[in-house]
Amino acid sequence: MLDVPAIRSLCEAAFASLWEAERLREALVGHVLLLLPEIEVLAQQMSGETQRTAYHVIDWARDLLASDPPAGSARAVRAHDLAVVRRALLTLHEDPRLIEDARPAASGVTG
């Protein structure tokens, strides 16, 4: 089960400092790994620009997870990128309107 308050708290800590984000990189990766399958399912229920955005975030997350962390100060930038993608995944997970807006309106016709 997702602990949304803990994830959000860690997101905020990661954005406070790139160097702090590097220290938290393992937790960032763990949260992305938890959120990614959830968003992959939810994205299938979305439509239009919201769906395209969800797929863009999914692709970015996969790219970050698939590549080796760079050396030196670039590692902090990578951790920041992980924090950004994690926050985007969390937003997609938390906002049910992203799916509700994609559902067709009820016609009121009963069968």
PDB file of N, CA and C in Angstrom:
ATOM      1  N   MET A   1       0.846  -1.177   0.000  1.00  0.00           N
ATOM      2  CA  MET A   1       0.000   0.000   0.000  1.00  0.00           C
ATOM      3  C   MET A   1       0.891   1.240   0.000  1.00  0.00           C
ATOM      4  N   LEU A   2       0.461   2.232  -0.717  1.00  0.00           N
ATOM      5  CA  LEU A   2       1.234   3.468  -0.805  1.00  0.00           C
ATOM      6  C   LEU A   2       1.026   4.326   0.432  1.00  0.00           C
ATOM      7  N   ASP A   3       2.117   4.826   0.973  1.00  0.00           N
ATOM      8  CA  ASP A   3       2.074   5.768   2.088  1.00  0.00           C
ATOM      9  C   ASP A   3       2.265   7.161   1.500  1.00  0.00           C
ATOM     10  N   VAL A   4       1.167   7.753   0.999  1.00  0.00           N
ATOM     11  CA  VAL A   4       1.221   9.025   0.285  1.00  0.00           C
ATOM     12  C   VAL A   4       1.847  10.135   1.124  1.00  0.00           C
ATOM     13  N   PRO A   5       1.493  10.322   2.396  1.00  0.00           N
ATOM     14  CA  PRO A   5       2.137  11.381   3.167  1.00  0.00           C
ATOM     15  C   PRO A   5       3.662  11.198   3.271  1.00  0.00           C
ATOM     16  N   ALA A   6       4.123   9.969   3.428  1.00  0.00           N
ATOM     17  CA  ALA A   6       5.572   9.734   3.516  1.00  0.00           C
ATOM     18  C   ALA A   6       6.252  10.035   2.188  1.00  0.00           C
ATOM     19  N   ILE A   7       5.611   9.650   1.095  1.00  0.00           N
ATOM     20  CA  ILE A   7       6.178   9.923  -0.223  1.00  0.00           C
ATOM     21  C   ILE A   7       6.247  11.428  -0.459  1.00  0.00           C
ATOM     22  N   ARG A   8       5.157  12.138  -0.145  1.00  0.00           N
ATOM     23  CA  ARG A   8       5.134  13.584  -0.343  1.00  0.00           C
ATOM     24  C   ARG A   8       6.200  14.266   0.517  1.00  0.00           C
ATOM     25  N   SER A   9       6.350  13.825   1.750  1.00  0.00           N
ATOM     26  CA  SER A   9       7.351  14.396   2.646  1.00  0.00           C
ATOM     27  C   SER A   9       8.757  14.224   2.090  1.00  0.00           C
ATOM     28  N   LEU A  10       9.041  13.052   1.563  1.00  0.00           N
ATOM     29  CA  LEU A  10      10.361  12.808   1.001  1.00  0.00           C
ATOM     30  C   LEU A  10      10.571  13.627  -0.268  1.00  0.00           C
ATOM     31  N   CYS A  11       9.507  13.813  -1.060  1.00  0.00           N
ATOM     32  CA  CYS A  11       9.599  14.678  -2.244  1.00  0.00           C
ATOM     33  C   CYS A  11      10.033  16.076  -1.839  1.00  0.00           C
ATOM     34  N   GLU A  12       9.379  16.615  -0.832  1.00  0.00           N
ATOM     35  CA  GLU A  12       9.695  17.966  -0.374  1.00  0.00           C
ATOM     36  C   GLU A  12      11.117  18.050   0.144  1.00  0.00           C
ATOM     37  N   ALA A  13      11.581  17.036   0.850  1.00  0.00           N
ATOM     38  CA  ALA A  13      12.955  17.022   1.349  1.00  0.00           C
ATOM     39  C   ALA A  13      13.947  16.981   0.189  1.00  0.00           C
ATOM     40  N   ALA A  14      13.626  16.202  -0.832  1.00  0.00           N
ATOM     41  CA  ALA A  14      14.522  16.075  -1.972  1.00  0.00           C
ATOM     42  C   ALA A  14      14.651  17.385  -2.729  1.00  0.00           C
ATOM     43  N   PHE A  15      13.580  18.136  -2.837  1.00  0.00           N
ATOM     44  CA  PHE A  15      13.643  19.404  -3.545  1.00  0.00           C
ATOM     45  C   PHE A  15      14.373  20.478  -2.740  1.00  0.00           C
ATOM     46  N   ALA A  16      14.544  20.266  -1.460  1.00  0.00           N
ATOM     47  CA  ALA A  16      15.205  21.266  -0.619  1.00  0.00           C
ATOM     48  C   ALA A  16      16.659  21.444  -1.021  1.00  0.00           C
ATOM     49  N   SER A  17      17.306  20.409  -1.456  1.00  0.00           N
ATOM     50  CA  SER A  17      18.720  20.492  -1.785  1.00  0.00           C
ATOM     51  C   SER A  17      19.087  19.357  -2.720  1.00  0.00           C
ATOM     52  N   LEU A  18      19.828  19.676  -3.768  1.00  0.00           N
ATOM     53  CA  LEU A  18      20.276  18.625  -4.670  1.00  0.00           C
ATOM     54  C   LEU A  18      21.152  17.618  -3.940  1.00  0.00           C
ATOM     55  N   TRP A  19      21.939  18.095  -2.992  1.00  0.00           N
ATOM     56  CA  TRP A  19      22.810  17.179  -2.261  1.00  0.00           C
ATOM     57  C   TRP A  19      21.997  16.293  -1.317  1.00  0.00           C
ATOM     58  N   GLU A  20      20.977  16.837  -0.744  1.00  0.00           N
ATOM     59  CA  GLU A  20      20.082  16.031   0.083  1.00  0.00           C
ATOM     60  C   GLU A  20      19.371  14.996  -0.793  1.00  0.00           C
ATOM     61  N   ALA A  21      19.034  15.397  -1.996  1.00  0.00           N
ATOM     62  CA  ALA A  21      18.370  14.479  -2.914  1.00  0.00           C
ATOM     63  C   ALA A  21      19.273  13.289  -3.225  1.00  0.00           C
ATOM     64  N   GLU A  22      20.560  13.524  -3.380  1.00  0.00           N
ATOM     65  CA  GLU A  22      21.481  12.417  -3.645  1.00  0.00           C
ATOM     66  C   GLU A  22      21.467  11.432  -2.475  1.00  0.00           C
ATOM     67  N   ARG A  23      21.449  11.962  -1.280  1.00  0.00           N
ATOM     68  CA  ARG A  23      21.426  11.109  -0.095  1.00  0.00           C
ATOM     69  C   ARG A  23      20.139  10.262  -0.059  1.00  0.00           C
ATOM     70  N   LEU A  24      19.079  10.800  -0.593  1.00  0.00           N
ATOM     71  CA  LEU A  24      17.786  10.121  -0.564  1.00  0.00           C
ATOM     72  C   LEU A  24      17.494   9.321  -1.842  1.00  0.00           C
ATOM     73  N   ARG A  25      18.473   9.217  -2.735  1.00  0.00           N
ATOM     74  CA  ARG A  25      18.250   8.617  -4.049  1.00  0.00           C
ATOM     75  C   ARG A  25      17.641   7.214  -3.983  1.00  0.00           C
ATOM     76  N   GLU A  26      18.100   6.396  -3.072  1.00  0.00           N
ATOM     77  CA  GLU A  26      17.553   5.039  -2.988  1.00  0.00           C
ATOM     78  C   GLU A  26      16.067   5.046  -2.656  1.00  0.00           C
ATOM     79  N   ALA A  27      15.670   5.915  -1.755  1.00  0.00           N
ATOM     80  CA  ALA A  27      14.242   6.019  -1.430  1.00  0.00           C
ATOM     81  C   ALA A  27      13.457   6.544  -2.629  1.00  0.00           C
ATOM     82  N   LEU A  28      14.035   7.480  -3.358  1.00  0.00           N
ATOM     83  CA  LEU A  28      13.373   8.016  -4.552  1.00  0.00           C
ATOM     84  C   LEU A  28      13.127   6.895  -5.564  1.00  0.00           C
ATOM     85  N   VAL A  29      14.158   6.094  -5.816  1.00  0.00           N
ATOM     86  CA  VAL A  29      14.020   4.980  -6.755  1.00  0.00           C
ATOM     87  C   VAL A  29      12.935   4.020  -6.265  1.00  0.00           C
ATOM     88  N   GLY A  30      12.936   3.721  -4.975  1.00  0.00           N
ATOM     89  CA  GLY A  30      11.934   2.817  -4.422  1.00  0.00           C
ATOM     90  C   GLY A  30      10.512   3.319  -4.618  1.00  0.00           C
ATOM     91  N   HIS A  31      10.313   4.614  -4.413  1.00  0.00           N
ATOM     92  CA  HIS A  31       8.971   5.176  -4.601  1.00  0.00           C
ATOM     93  C   HIS A  31       8.563   5.168  -6.068  1.00  0.00           C
ATOM     94  N   VAL A  32       9.499   5.476  -6.959  1.00  0.00           N
ATOM     95  CA  VAL A  32       9.178   5.428  -8.390  1.00  0.00           C
ATOM     96  C   VAL A  32       8.781   4.001  -8.773  1.00  0.00           C
ATOM     97  N   LEU A  33       9.511   3.028  -8.249  1.00  0.00           N
ATOM     98  CA  LEU A  33       9.183   1.623  -8.545  1.00  0.00           C
ATOM     99  C   LEU A  33       7.804   1.234  -8.016  1.00  0.00           C
ATOM    100  N   LEU A  34       7.385   1.809  -6.898  1.00  0.00           N
ATOM    101  CA  LEU A  34       6.048   1.540  -6.366  1.00  0.00           C
ATOM    102  C   LEU A  34       4.954   2.236  -7.176  1.00  0.00           C
ATOM    103  N   LEU A  35       5.200   3.466  -7.558  1.00  0.00           N
ATOM    104  CA  LEU A  35       4.188   4.265  -8.242  1.00  0.00           C
ATOM    105  C   LEU A  35       4.015   3.886  -9.713  1.00  0.00           C
ATOM    106  N   LEU A  36       5.101   3.504 -10.358  1.00  0.00           N
ATOM    107  CA  LEU A  36       5.070   3.285 -11.803  1.00  0.00           C
ATOM    108  C   LEU A  36       4.000   2.283 -12.249  1.00  0.00           C
ATOM    109  N   PRO A  37       3.895   1.094 -11.653  1.00  0.00           N
ATOM    110  CA  PRO A  37       2.853   0.161 -12.111  1.00  0.00           C
ATOM    111  C   PRO A  37       1.437   0.701 -11.892  1.00  0.00           C
ATOM    112  N   GLU A  38       1.242   1.447 -10.817  1.00  0.00           N
ATOM    113  CA  GLU A  38      -0.081   2.038 -10.548  1.00  0.00           C
ATOM    114  C   GLU A  38      -0.456   3.022 -11.660  1.00  0.00           C
ATOM    115  N   ILE A  39       0.493   3.854 -12.057  1.00  0.00           N
ATOM    116  CA  ILE A  39       0.215   4.872 -13.074  1.00  0.00           C
ATOM    117  C   ILE A  39       0.075   4.227 -14.448  1.00  0.00           C
ATOM    118  N   GLU A  40       0.806   3.154 -14.701  1.00  0.00           N
ATOM    119  CA  GLU A  40       0.656   2.452 -15.974  1.00  0.00           C
ATOM    120  C   GLU A  40      -0.778   1.949 -16.139  1.00  0.00           C
ATOM    121  N   VAL A  41      -1.396   1.475 -15.076  1.00  0.00           N
ATOM    122  CA  VAL A  41      -2.788   1.019 -15.115  1.00  0.00           C
ATOM    123  C   VAL A  41      -3.731   2.213 -15.259  1.00  0.00           C
ATOM    124  N   LEU A  42      -3.528   3.239 -14.434  1.00  0.00           N
ATOM    125  CA  LEU A  42      -4.407   4.410 -14.478  1.00  0.00           C
ATOM    126  C   LEU A  42      -4.355   5.117 -15.832  1.00  0.00           C
ATOM    127  N   ALA A  43      -3.185   5.162 -16.446  1.00  0.00           N
ATOM    128  CA  ALA A  43      -3.030   5.863 -17.734  1.00  0.00           C
ATOM    129  C   ALA A  43      -3.932   5.264 -18.809  1.00  0.00           C
ATOM    130  N   GLN A  44      -4.187   3.973 -18.721  1.00  0.00           N
ATOM    131  CA  GLN A  44      -5.050   3.321 -19.697  1.00  0.00           C
ATOM    132  C   GLN A  44      -6.493   3.815 -19.604  1.00  0.00           C
ATOM    133  N   GLN A  45      -6.864   4.378 -18.452  1.00  0.00           N
ATOM    134  CA  GLN A  45      -8.220   4.878 -18.238  1.00  0.00           C
ATOM    135  C   GLN A  45      -8.344   6.358 -18.585  1.00  0.00           C
ATOM    136  N   MET A  46      -7.222   7.015 -18.860  1.00  0.00           N
ATOM    137  CA  MET A  46      -7.212   8.441 -19.177  1.00  0.00           C
ATOM    138  C   MET A  46      -7.397   8.623 -20.675  1.00  0.00           C
ATOM    139  N   SER A  47      -7.546   9.875 -21.074  1.00  0.00           N
ATOM    140  CA  SER A  47      -7.643  10.165 -22.504  1.00  0.00           C
ATOM    141  C   SER A  47      -7.029  11.526 -22.789  1.00  0.00           C
ATOM    142  N   GLY A  48      -6.858  11.810 -24.050  1.00  0.00           N
ATOM    143  CA  GLY A  48      -6.399  13.118 -24.485  1.00  0.00           C
ATOM    144  C   GLY A  48      -5.040  13.515 -23.938  1.00  0.00           C
ATOM    145  N   GLU A  49      -4.902  14.802 -23.667  1.00  0.00           N
ATOM    146  CA  GLU A  49      -3.639  15.370 -23.201  1.00  0.00           C
ATOM    147  C   GLU A  49      -3.209  14.785 -21.856  1.00  0.00           C
ATOM    148  N   THR A  50      -4.167  14.486 -21.001  1.00  0.00           N
ATOM    149  CA  THR A  50      -3.835  13.881 -19.706  1.00  0.00           C
ATOM    150  C   THR A  50      -3.170  12.531 -19.917  1.00  0.00           C
ATOM    151  N   GLN A  51      -3.699  11.729 -20.808  1.00  0.00           N
ATOM    152  CA  GLN A  51      -3.110  10.419 -21.088  1.00  0.00           C
ATOM    153  C   GLN A  51      -1.724  10.567 -21.709  1.00  0.00           C
ATOM    154  N   ARG A  52      -1.577  11.496 -22.652  1.00  0.00           N
ATOM    155  CA  ARG A  52      -0.264  11.713 -23.269  1.00  0.00           C
ATOM    156  C   ARG A  52       0.756  12.151 -22.222  1.00  0.00           C
ATOM    157  N   THR A  53       0.331  13.003 -21.296  1.00  0.00           N
ATOM    158  CA  THR A  53       1.227  13.433 -20.218  1.00  0.00           C
ATOM    159  C   THR A  53       1.604  12.251 -19.333  1.00  0.00           C
ATOM    160  N   ALA A  54       0.640  11.434 -18.980  1.00  0.00           N
ATOM    161  CA  ALA A  54       0.919  10.261 -18.149  1.00  0.00           C
ATOM    162  C   ALA A  54       1.925   9.345 -18.835  1.00  0.00           C
ATOM    163  N   TYR A  55       1.762   9.103 -20.119  1.00  0.00           N
ATOM    164  CA  TYR A  55       2.694   8.237 -20.839  1.00  0.00           C
ATOM    165  C   TYR A  55       4.085   8.876 -20.936  1.00  0.00           C
ATOM    166  N   HIS A  56       4.130  10.182 -21.063  1.00  0.00           N
ATOM    167  CA  HIS A  56       5.431  10.876 -21.074  1.00  0.00           C
ATOM    168  C   HIS A  56       6.143  10.679 -19.727  1.00  0.00           C
ATOM    169  N   VAL A  57       5.417  10.846 -18.638  1.00  0.00           N
ATOM    170  CA  VAL A  57       5.995  10.673 -17.306  1.00  0.00           C
ATOM    171  C   VAL A  57       6.434   9.213 -17.114  1.00  0.00           C
ATOM    172  N   ILE A  58       5.628   8.267 -17.564  1.00  0.00           N
ATOM    173  CA  ILE A  58       5.975   6.845 -17.471  1.00  0.00           C
ATOM    174  C   ILE A  58       7.272   6.572 -18.235  1.00  0.00           C
ATOM    175  N   ASP A  59       7.380   7.090 -19.458  1.00  0.00           N
ATOM    176  CA  ASP A  59       8.590   6.870 -20.258  1.00  0.00           C
ATOM    177  C   ASP A  59       9.813   7.486 -19.586  1.00  0.00           C
ATOM    178  N   TRP A  60       9.654   8.685 -19.040  1.00  0.00           N
ATOM    179  CA  TRP A  60      10.764   9.359 -18.361  1.00  0.00           C
ATOM    180  C   TRP A  60      11.204   8.541 -17.142  1.00  0.00           C
ATOM    181  N   ALA A  61      10.242   8.051 -16.382  1.00  0.00           N
ATOM    182  CA  ALA A  61      10.560   7.237 -15.202  1.00  0.00           C
ATOM    183  C   ALA A  61      11.322   5.979 -15.613  1.00  0.00           C
ATOM    184  N   ARG A  62      10.851   5.309 -16.650  1.00  0.00           N
ATOM    185  CA  ARG A  62      11.531   4.093 -17.125  1.00  0.00           C
ATOM    186  C   ARG A  62      12.963   4.405 -17.555  1.00  0.00           C
ATOM    187  N   ASP A  63      13.145   5.519 -18.269  1.00  0.00           N
ATOM    188  CA  ASP A  63      14.486   5.913 -18.711  1.00  0.00           C
ATOM    189  C   ASP A  63      15.411   6.155 -17.524  1.00  0.00           C
ATOM    190  N   LEU A  64      14.911   6.857 -16.518  1.00  0.00           N
ATOM    191  CA  LEU A  64      15.728   7.136 -15.332  1.00  0.00           C
ATOM    192  C   LEU A  64      16.101   5.848 -14.603  1.00  0.00           C
ATOM    193  N   LEU A  65      15.162   4.932 -14.498  1.00  0.00           N
ATOM    194  CA  LEU A  65      15.426   3.676 -13.794  1.00  0.00           C
ATOM    195  C   LEU A  65      16.371   2.775 -14.581  1.00  0.00           C
ATOM    196  N   ALA A  66      16.327   2.852 -15.896  1.00  0.00           N
ATOM    197  CA  ALA A  66      17.125   1.965 -16.737  1.00  0.00           C
ATOM    198  C   ALA A  66      18.573   2.412 -16.874  1.00  0.00           C
ATOM    199  N   SER A  67      18.848   3.680 -16.649  1.00  0.00           N
ATOM    200  CA  SER A  67      20.203   4.185 -16.855  1.00  0.00           C
ATOM    201  C   SER A  67      20.988   4.192 -15.547  1.00  0.00           C
ATOM    202  N   ASP A  68      22.285   3.986 -15.675  1.00  0.00           N
ATOM    203  CA  ASP A  68      23.155   4.015 -14.503  1.00  0.00           C
ATOM    204  C   ASP A  68      23.289   5.443 -14.002  1.00  0.00           C
ATOM    205  N   PRO A  69      23.353   5.621 -12.673  1.00  0.00           N
ATOM    206  CA  PRO A  69      23.538   6.972 -12.154  1.00  0.00           C
ATOM    207  C   PRO A  69      24.896   7.525 -12.580  1.00  0.00           C
ATOM    208  N   PRO A  70      24.932   8.774 -12.991  1.00  0.00           N
ATOM    209  CA  PRO A  70      26.215   9.368 -13.393  1.00  0.00           C
ATOM    210  C   PRO A  70      27.124   9.573 -12.181  1.00  0.00           C
ATOM    211  N   ALA A  71      28.371   9.909 -12.446  1.00  0.00           N
ATOM    212  CA  ALA A  71      29.342  10.140 -11.376  1.00  0.00           C
ATOM    213  C   ALA A  71      29.355  11.612 -10.974  1.00  0.00           C
ATOM    214  N   GLY A  72      29.916  11.867  -9.814  1.00  0.00           N
ATOM    215  CA  GLY A  72      30.144  13.231  -9.353  1.00  0.00           C
ATOM    216  C   GLY A  72      28.869  14.017  -9.103  1.00  0.00           C
ATOM    217  N   SER A  73      28.961  15.305  -9.409  1.00  0.00           N
ATOM    218  CA  SER A  73      27.831  16.204  -9.122  1.00  0.00           C
ATOM    219  C   SER A  73      26.618  15.893  -9.983  1.00  0.00           C
ATOM    220  N   ALA A  74      26.811  15.219 -11.111  1.00  0.00           N
ATOM    221  CA  ALA A  74      25.672  14.855 -11.959  1.00  0.00           C
ATOM    222  C   ALA A  74      24.757  13.860 -11.246  1.00  0.00           C
ATOM    223  N   ARG A  75      25.284  13.150 -10.241  1.00  0.00           N
ATOM    224  CA  ARG A  75      24.441  12.223  -9.467  1.00  0.00           C
ATOM    225  C   ARG A  75      23.350  12.986  -8.726  1.00  0.00           C
ATOM    226  N   ALA A  76      23.676  14.166  -8.224  1.00  0.00           N
ATOM    227  CA  ALA A  76      22.678  14.972  -7.522  1.00  0.00           C
ATOM    228  C   ALA A  76      21.595  15.443  -8.487  1.00  0.00           C
ATOM    229  N   VAL A  77      21.995  15.777  -9.710  1.00  0.00           N
ATOM    230  CA  VAL A  77      21.016  16.192 -10.718  1.00  0.00           C
ATOM    231  C   VAL A  77      20.100  15.017 -11.051  1.00  0.00           C
ATOM    232  N   ARG A  78      20.654  13.821 -11.167  1.00  0.00           N
ATOM    233  CA  ARG A  78      19.840  12.637 -11.443  1.00  0.00           C
ATOM    234  C   ARG A  78      18.849  12.397 -10.308  1.00  0.00           C
ATOM    235  N   ALA A  79      19.302  12.564  -9.072  1.00  0.00           N
ATOM    236  CA  ALA A  79      18.400  12.396  -7.931  1.00  0.00           C
ATOM    237  C   ALA A  79      17.281  13.422  -7.996  1.00  0.00           C
ATOM    238  N   HIS A  80      17.614  14.631  -8.403  1.00  0.00           N
ATOM    239  CA  HIS A  80      16.585  15.668  -8.553  1.00  0.00           C
ATOM    240  C   HIS A  80      15.586  15.257  -9.634  1.00  0.00           C
ATOM    241  N   ASP A  81      16.082  14.727 -10.746  1.00  0.00           N
ATOM    242  CA  ASP A  81      15.192  14.246 -11.810  1.00  0.00           C
ATOM    243  C   ASP A  81      14.265  13.148 -11.284  1.00  0.00           C
ATOM    244  N   LEU A  82      14.813  12.241 -10.467  1.00  0.00           N
ATOM    245  CA  LEU A  82      13.982  11.197  -9.862  1.00  0.00           C
ATOM    246  C   LEU A  82      12.905  11.810  -8.970  1.00  0.00           C
ATOM    247  N   ALA A  83      13.253  12.849  -8.225  1.00  0.00           N
ATOM    248  CA  ALA A  83      12.266  13.512  -7.365  1.00  0.00           C
ATOM    249  C   ALA A  83      11.168  14.165  -8.199  1.00  0.00           C
ATOM    250  N   VAL A  84      11.546  14.767  -9.318  1.00  0.00           N
ATOM    251  CA  VAL A  84      10.554  15.410 -10.195  1.00  0.00           C
ATOM    252  C   VAL A  84       9.606  14.372 -10.781  1.00  0.00           C
ATOM    253  N   VAL A  85      10.170  13.271 -11.299  1.00  0.00           N
ATOM    254  CA  VAL A  85       9.315  12.251 -11.913  1.00  0.00           C
ATOM    255  C   VAL A  85       8.455  11.578 -10.847  1.00  0.00           C
ATOM    256  N   ARG A  86       9.000  11.413  -9.660  1.00  0.00           N
ATOM    257  CA  ARG A  86       8.206  10.812  -8.586  1.00  0.00           C
ATOM    258  C   ARG A  86       7.046  11.725  -8.208  1.00  0.00           C
ATOM    259  N   ARG A  87       7.290  13.022  -8.149  1.00  0.00           N
ATOM    260  CA  ARG A  87       6.206  13.946  -7.818  1.00  0.00           C
ATOM    261  C   ARG A  87       5.136  13.925  -8.907  1.00  0.00           C
ATOM    262  N   ALA A  88       5.542  13.827 -10.161  1.00  0.00           N
ATOM    263  CA  ALA A  88       4.573  13.748 -11.257  1.00  0.00           C
ATOM    264  C   ALA A  88       3.748  12.465 -11.164  1.00  0.00           C
ATOM    265  N   LEU A  89       4.409  11.342 -10.879  1.00  0.00           N
ATOM    266  CA  LEU A  89       3.689  10.081 -10.704  1.00  0.00           C
ATOM    267  C   LEU A  89       2.712  10.158  -9.536  1.00  0.00           C
ATOM    268  N   LEU A  90       3.148  10.762  -8.446  1.00  0.00           N
ATOM    269  CA  LEU A  90       2.295  10.884  -7.272  1.00  0.00           C
ATOM    270  C   LEU A  90       1.078  11.763  -7.569  1.00  0.00           C
ATOM    271  N   THR A  91       1.280  12.838  -8.316  1.00  0.00           N
ATOM    272  CA  THR A  91       0.160  13.709  -8.692  1.00  0.00           C
ATOM    273  C   THR A  91      -0.838  12.942  -9.547  1.00  0.00           C
ATOM    274  N   LEU A  92      -0.341  12.175 -10.505  1.00  0.00           N
ATOM    275  CA  LEU A  92      -1.235  11.363 -11.335  1.00  0.00           C
ATOM    276  C   LEU A  92      -1.981  10.331 -10.497  1.00  0.00           C
ATOM    277  N   HIS A  93      -1.346   9.812  -9.485  1.00  0.00           N
ATOM    278  CA  HIS A  93      -1.975   8.815  -8.609  1.00  0.00           C
ATOM    279  C   HIS A  93      -3.035   9.434  -7.708  1.00  0.00           C
ATOM    280  N   GLU A  94      -2.775  10.625  -7.212  1.00  0.00           N
ATOM    281  CA  GLU A  94      -3.654  11.230  -6.209  1.00  0.00           C
ATOM    282  C   GLU A  94      -4.875  11.944  -6.766  1.00  0.00           C
ATOM    283  N   ASP A  95      -4.842  12.370  -8.009  1.00  0.00           N
ATOM    284  CA  ASP A  95      -5.918  13.223  -8.518  1.00  0.00           C
ATOM    285  C   ASP A  95      -6.920  12.418  -9.340  1.00  0.00           C
ATOM    286  N   PRO A  96      -8.021  11.963  -8.727  1.00  0.00           N
ATOM    287  CA  PRO A  96      -9.003  11.143  -9.452  1.00  0.00           C
ATOM    288  C   PRO A  96      -9.680  11.904 -10.588  1.00  0.00           C
ATOM    289  N   ARG A  97      -9.645  13.221 -10.569  1.00  0.00           N
ATOM    290  CA  ARG A  97     -10.264  13.992 -11.656  1.00  0.00           C
ATOM    291  C   ARG A  97      -9.586  13.700 -12.986  1.00  0.00           C
ATOM    292  N   LEU A  98      -8.309  13.294 -12.952  1.00  0.00           N
ATOM    293  CA  LEU A  98      -7.604  12.995 -14.192  1.00  0.00           C
ATOM    294  C   LEU A  98      -8.254  11.832 -14.921  1.00  0.00           C
ATOM    295  N   ILE A  99      -8.885  10.951 -14.164  1.00  0.00           N
ATOM    296  CA  ILE A  99      -9.593   9.820 -14.780  1.00  0.00           C
ATOM    297  C   ILE A  99     -11.051  10.173 -14.984  1.00  0.00           C
ATOM    298  N   GLU A 100     -11.678  10.801 -13.999  1.00  0.00           N
ATOM    299  CA  GLU A 100     -13.094  11.145 -14.110  1.00  0.00           C
ATOM    300  C   GLU A 100     -13.356  12.031 -15.320  1.00  0.00           C
ATOM    301  N   ASP A 101     -12.447  12.972 -15.604  1.00  0.00           N
ATOM    302  CA  ASP A 101     -12.624  13.850 -16.753  1.00  0.00           C
ATOM    303  C   ASP A 101     -12.543  13.081 -18.063  1.00  0.00           C
ATOM    304  N   ALA A 102     -11.883  11.935 -18.053  1.00  0.00           N
ATOM    305  CA  ALA A 102     -11.720  11.161 -19.272  1.00  0.00           C
ATOM    306  C   ALA A 102     -12.910  10.257 -19.549  1.00  0.00           C
ATOM    307  N   ARG A 103     -13.743  10.005 -18.541  1.00  0.00           N
ATOM    308  CA  ARG A 103     -14.893   9.127 -18.719  1.00  0.00           C
ATOM    309  C   ARG A 103     -15.993   9.850 -19.488  1.00  0.00           C
ATOM    310  N   PRO A 104     -16.652   9.147 -20.375  1.00  0.00           N
ATOM    311  CA  PRO A 104     -17.765   9.799 -21.098  1.00  0.00           C
ATOM    312  C   PRO A 104     -18.894  10.125 -20.130  1.00  0.00           C
ATOM    313  N   ALA A 105     -19.563  11.211 -20.382  1.00  0.00           N
ATOM    314  CA  ALA A 105     -20.681  11.632 -19.545  1.00  0.00           C
ATOM    315  C   ALA A 105     -21.832  10.645 -19.716  1.00  0.00           C
ATOM    316  N   ALA A 106     -22.553  10.404 -18.637  1.00  0.00           N
ATOM    317  CA  ALA A 106     -23.710   9.501 -18.690  1.00  0.00           C
ATOM    318  C   ALA A 106     -24.789  10.131 -19.560  1.00  0.00           C
ATOM    319  N   SER A 107     -25.405   9.320 -20.388  1.00  0.00           N
ATOM    320  CA  SER A 107     -26.407   9.850 -21.316  1.00  0.00           C
ATOM    321  C   SER A 107     -27.779   9.972 -20.679  1.00  0.00           C
ATOM    322  N   GLY A 108     -27.970   9.302 -19.543  1.00  0.00           N
ATOM    323  CA  GLY A 108     -29.270   9.357 -18.909  1.00  0.00           C
ATOM    324  C   GLY A 108     -30.243   8.355 -19.496  1.00  0.00           C
ATOM    325  N   VAL A 109     -29.854   7.642 -20.557  1.00  0.00           N
ATOM    326  CA  VAL A 109     -30.711   6.644 -21.187  1.00  0.00           C
ATOM    327  C   VAL A 109     -30.556   5.326 -20.450  1.00  0.00           C
ATOM    328  N   THR A 110     -31.649   4.742 -20.079  1.00  0.00           N
ATOM    329  CA  THR A 110     -31.592   3.437 -19.409  1.00  0.00           C
ATOM    330  C   THR A 110     -32.076   2.375 -20.372  1.00  0.00           C
ATOM    331  N   GLY A 111     -31.534   1.161 -20.184  1.00  0.00           N
ATOM    332  CA  GLY A 111     -31.838   0.095 -21.113  1.00  0.00           C
ATOM    333  C   GLY A 111     -32.877  -0.771 -20.602  1.00  0.00           C
TER     334      GLY A 111
END
